[in-house]
Amino acid sequence: MEQVQELATRLVIPGLPAWSGLGVLLVLALFALAWLCMPFSVFGLKSRMEMMEAQLEDIQGEIRALAMRLAEMPRPAPGVSNDYFEIQPPRRELPPEVSAHPPVPPPAARPEPRLDWPSAARR
């Protein structure tokens, strides 16, 4: 009991009555007790966890169903491949006047002007 009184005297707020420390201590104790006793459903965690658990059960059920269907499928004979081949579209021969490459433009009639930086700096 002495420890509680000592703690209450340490918590006394200057300018307030001597029992104010005990009031602060009581409020803190009630807050701590409420925090420890509060169920998770108050925070909304319980409903979220139940929803996630239901989703997990659905996914596991789907995986089991797929595994059972896979086990029922006939296995291919050894040496038989399940690979497929892509069907190539038929090649068209281009007429002789049409080229497969785009035309190359002719060179410029005159060269592009270039700046001569060292001589421009001397002027």
C-alpha atoms as a PDB file:
ATOM      1  CA  MET A   1       0.000   0.000   0.000  1.00  0.00           C
ATOM      2  CA  GLU A   2       2.898   2.327   0.744  1.00  0.00           C
ATOM      3  CA  GLN A   3       4.202   1.872  -2.794  1.00  0.00           C
ATOM      4  CA  VAL A   4       0.875   2.977  -4.238  1.00  0.00           C
ATOM      5  CA  GLN A   5       0.835   6.050  -1.987  1.00  0.00           C
ATOM      6  CA  GLU A   6       4.427   6.852  -2.942  1.00  0.00           C
ATOM      7  CA  LEU A   7       3.599   6.497  -6.637  1.00  0.00           C
ATOM      8  CA  ALA A   8       0.499   8.670  -6.153  1.00  0.00           C
ATOM      9  CA  THR A   9       2.559  11.417  -4.458  1.00  0.00           C
ATOM     10  CA  ARG A  10       5.029  11.353  -7.336  1.00  0.00           C
ATOM     11  CA  LEU A  11       2.172  11.810  -9.816  1.00  0.00           C
ATOM     12  CA  VAL A  12       0.704  14.827  -8.021  1.00  0.00           C
ATOM     13  CA  ILE A  13       0.295  17.679 -10.449  1.00  0.00           C
ATOM     14  CA  PRO A  14       1.524  20.962  -8.916  1.00  0.00           C
ATOM     15  CA  GLY A  15      -1.329  23.314  -8.137  1.00  0.00           C
ATOM     16  CA  LEU A  16      -3.899  20.506  -7.825  1.00  0.00           C
ATOM     17  CA  PRO A  17      -5.059  18.653  -4.687  1.00  0.00           C
ATOM     18  CA  ALA A  18      -2.971  15.796  -3.263  1.00  0.00           C
ATOM     19  CA  TRP A  19      -5.444  13.162  -4.490  1.00  0.00           C
ATOM     20  CA  SER A  20      -4.921  14.197  -8.159  1.00  0.00           C
ATOM     21  CA  GLY A  21      -1.970  11.788  -8.396  1.00  0.00           C
ATOM     22  CA  LEU A  22      -4.196   8.939  -7.234  1.00  0.00           C
ATOM     23  CA  GLY A  23      -6.784   9.962  -9.859  1.00  0.00           C
ATOM     24  CA  VAL A  24      -4.163   9.925 -12.630  1.00  0.00           C
ATOM     25  CA  LEU A  25      -2.933   6.528 -11.404  1.00  0.00           C
ATOM     26  CA  LEU A  26      -6.496   5.179 -11.353  1.00  0.00           C
ATOM     27  CA  VAL A  27      -7.189   6.435 -14.896  1.00  0.00           C
ATOM     28  CA  LEU A  28      -3.956   4.858 -16.164  1.00  0.00           C
ATOM     29  CA  ALA A  29      -4.782   1.553 -14.426  1.00  0.00           C
ATOM     30  CA  LEU A  30      -8.281   1.499 -15.937  1.00  0.00           C
ATOM     31  CA  PHE A  31      -6.873   2.262 -19.364  1.00  0.00           C
ATOM     32  CA  ALA A  32      -4.320  -0.577 -19.051  1.00  0.00           C
ATOM     33  CA  LEU A  33      -7.011  -2.994 -17.837  1.00  0.00           C
ATOM     34  CA  ALA A  34      -9.336  -2.063 -20.698  1.00  0.00           C
ATOM     35  CA  TRP A  35      -6.489  -2.492 -23.166  1.00  0.00           C
ATOM     36  CA  LEU A  36      -5.709  -5.992 -21.875  1.00  0.00           C
ATOM     37  CA  CYS A  37      -9.339  -7.124 -21.706  1.00  0.00           C
ATOM     38  CA  MET A  38     -10.470  -5.681 -25.031  1.00  0.00           C
ATOM     39  CA  PRO A  39     -11.448  -8.440 -27.483  1.00  0.00           C
ATOM     40  CA  PHE A  40      -9.952  -8.449 -30.934  1.00  0.00           C
ATOM     41  CA  SER A  41     -13.403  -8.142 -32.505  1.00  0.00           C
ATOM     42  CA  VAL A  42     -13.523  -4.518 -31.327  1.00  0.00           C
ATOM     43  CA  PHE A  43     -10.647  -3.712 -33.653  1.00  0.00           C
ATOM     44  CA  GLY A  44     -12.291  -5.626 -36.485  1.00  0.00           C
ATOM     45  CA  LEU A  45      -9.527  -8.207 -36.610  1.00  0.00           C
ATOM     46  CA  LYS A  46     -11.767 -11.137 -35.813  1.00  0.00           C
ATOM     47  CA  SER A  47     -14.057 -10.603 -38.793  1.00  0.00           C
ATOM     48  CA  ARG A  48     -11.119 -10.030 -41.131  1.00  0.00           C
ATOM     49  CA  MET A  49      -9.373 -13.161 -39.897  1.00  0.00           C
ATOM     50  CA  GLU A  50     -12.562 -15.218 -40.359  1.00  0.00           C
ATOM     51  CA  MET A  51     -12.916 -13.875 -43.902  1.00  0.00           C
ATOM     52  CA  MET A  52      -9.308 -14.733 -44.725  1.00  0.00           C
ATOM     53  CA  GLU A  53      -9.751 -18.201 -43.235  1.00  0.00           C
ATOM     54  CA  ALA A  54     -12.816 -18.805 -45.431  1.00  0.00           C
ATOM     55  CA  GLN A  55     -10.903 -17.668 -48.527  1.00  0.00           C
ATOM     56  CA  LEU A  56      -8.015 -19.957 -47.603  1.00  0.00           C
ATOM     57  CA  GLU A  57     -10.383 -22.915 -47.257  1.00  0.00           C
ATOM     58  CA  ASP A  58     -11.864 -22.148 -50.695  1.00  0.00           C
ATOM     59  CA  ILE A  59      -8.415 -22.008 -52.273  1.00  0.00           C
ATOM     60  CA  GLN A  60      -7.387 -25.263 -50.620  1.00  0.00           C
ATOM     61  CA  GLY A  61     -10.576 -26.920 -51.891  1.00  0.00           C
ATOM     62  CA  GLU A  62      -9.848 -25.749 -55.432  1.00  0.00           C
ATOM     63  CA  ILE A  63      -6.285 -27.072 -55.208  1.00  0.00           C
ATOM     64  CA  ARG A  64      -7.562 -30.459 -53.997  1.00  0.00           C
ATOM     65  CA  ALA A  65     -10.071 -30.611 -56.872  1.00  0.00           C
ATOM     66  CA  LEU A  66      -7.384 -29.741 -59.423  1.00  0.00           C
ATOM     67  CA  ALA A  67      -5.030 -32.351 -57.970  1.00  0.00           C
ATOM     68  CA  MET A  68      -7.732 -35.030 -58.178  1.00  0.00           C
ATOM     69  CA  ARG A  69      -8.533 -34.096 -61.803  1.00  0.00           C
ATOM     70  CA  LEU A  70      -4.841 -34.163 -62.658  1.00  0.00           C
ATOM     71  CA  ALA A  71      -4.492 -37.627 -61.131  1.00  0.00           C
ATOM     72  CA  GLU A  72      -7.426 -38.897 -63.222  1.00  0.00           C
ATOM     73  CA  MET A  73      -5.958 -37.672 -66.533  1.00  0.00           C
ATOM     74  CA  PRO A  74      -4.314 -40.369 -68.685  1.00  0.00           C
ATOM     75  CA  ARG A  75      -0.569 -40.167 -68.868  1.00  0.00           C
ATOM     76  CA  PRO A  76       1.024 -39.913 -72.327  1.00  0.00           C
ATOM     77  CA  ALA A  77       3.082 -42.823 -73.568  1.00  0.00           C
ATOM     78  CA  PRO A  78       6.848 -42.445 -73.193  1.00  0.00           C
ATOM     79  CA  GLY A  79       8.397 -40.647 -76.110  1.00  0.00           C
ATOM     80  CA  VAL A  80       5.182 -38.782 -76.953  1.00  0.00           C
ATOM     81  CA  SER A  81       5.489 -35.044 -76.552  1.00  0.00           C
ATOM     82  CA  ASN A  82       2.749 -32.603 -75.663  1.00  0.00           C
ATOM     83  CA  ASP A  83       4.564 -29.801 -77.465  1.00  0.00           C
ATOM     84  CA  TYR A  84       2.791 -27.972 -80.224  1.00  0.00           C
ATOM     85  CA  PHE A  85       4.011 -26.412 -83.400  1.00  0.00           C
ATOM     86  CA  GLU A  86       3.094 -22.943 -84.529  1.00  0.00           C
ATOM     87  CA  ILE A  87       1.473 -22.813 -87.918  1.00  0.00           C
ATOM     88  CA  GLN A  88       3.398 -20.444 -90.128  1.00  0.00           C
ATOM     89  CA  PRO A  89       1.313 -18.200 -92.380  1.00  0.00           C
ATOM     90  CA  PRO A  90       1.849 -18.878 -96.080  1.00  0.00           C
ATOM     91  CA  ARG A  91       4.577 -16.779 -97.645  1.00  0.00           C
ATOM     92  CA  ARG A  92       3.580 -14.428-100.408  1.00  0.00           C
ATOM     93  CA  GLU A  93       5.972 -13.719-103.138  1.00  0.00           C
ATOM     94  CA  LEU A  94       6.239  -9.999-103.801  1.00  0.00           C
ATOM     95  CA  PRO A  95       5.943  -8.761-107.380  1.00  0.00           C
ATOM     96  CA  PRO A  96       9.300  -7.754-108.851  1.00  0.00           C
ATOM     97  CA  GLU A  97       8.450  -4.020-108.750  1.00  0.00           C
ATOM     98  CA  VAL A  98       7.731  -4.131-104.973  1.00  0.00           C
ATOM     99  CA  SER A  99      10.749  -4.306-102.719  1.00  0.00           C
ATOM    100  CA  ALA A 100      10.784  -5.818 -99.252  1.00  0.00           C
ATOM    101  CA  HIS A 101      12.943  -2.901 -98.032  1.00  0.00           C
ATOM    102  CA  PRO A 102      11.796   0.721 -97.912  1.00  0.00           C
ATOM    103  CA  PRO A 103      13.418   3.085-100.406  1.00  0.00           C
ATOM    104  CA  VAL A 104      16.553   4.907 -99.304  1.00  0.00           C
ATOM    105  CA  PRO A 105      16.242   8.708 -99.583  1.00  0.00           C
ATOM    106  CA  PRO A 106      18.821  10.474-101.762  1.00  0.00           C
ATOM    107  CA  PRO A 107      21.659  12.346-100.034  1.00  0.00           C
ATOM    108  CA  ALA A 108      21.144  16.014 -99.158  1.00  0.00           C
ATOM    109  CA  ALA A 109      21.901  18.527-101.936  1.00  0.00           C
ATOM    110  CA  ARG A 110      24.124  20.596 -99.654  1.00  0.00           C
ATOM    111  CA  PRO A 111      25.778  19.720 -96.361  1.00  0.00           C
ATOM    112  CA  GLU A 112      24.278  20.880 -93.109  1.00  0.00           C
ATOM    113  CA  PRO A 113      25.896  24.000 -91.628  1.00  0.00           C
ATOM    114  CA  ARG A 114      28.214  23.301 -88.722  1.00  0.00           C
ATOM    115  CA  LEU A 115      29.343  25.663 -86.026  1.00  0.00           C
ATOM    116  CA  ASP A 116      33.007  26.250 -85.624  1.00  0.00           C
ATOM    117  CA  TRP A 117      33.154  26.835 -81.885  1.00  0.00           C
ATOM    118  CA  PRO A 118      36.808  27.817 -81.470  1.00  0.00           C
ATOM    119  CA  SER A 119      36.737  30.412 -84.250  1.00  0.00           C
ATOM    120  CA  ALA A 120      33.355  31.763 -83.113  1.00  0.00           C
ATOM    121  CA  ALA A 121      34.783  32.338 -79.636  1.00  0.00           C
ATOM    122  CA  ARG A 122      37.701  34.422 -81.052  1.00  0.00           C
ATOM    123  CA  ARG A 123      35.450  36.955 -82.786  1.00  0.00           C
END
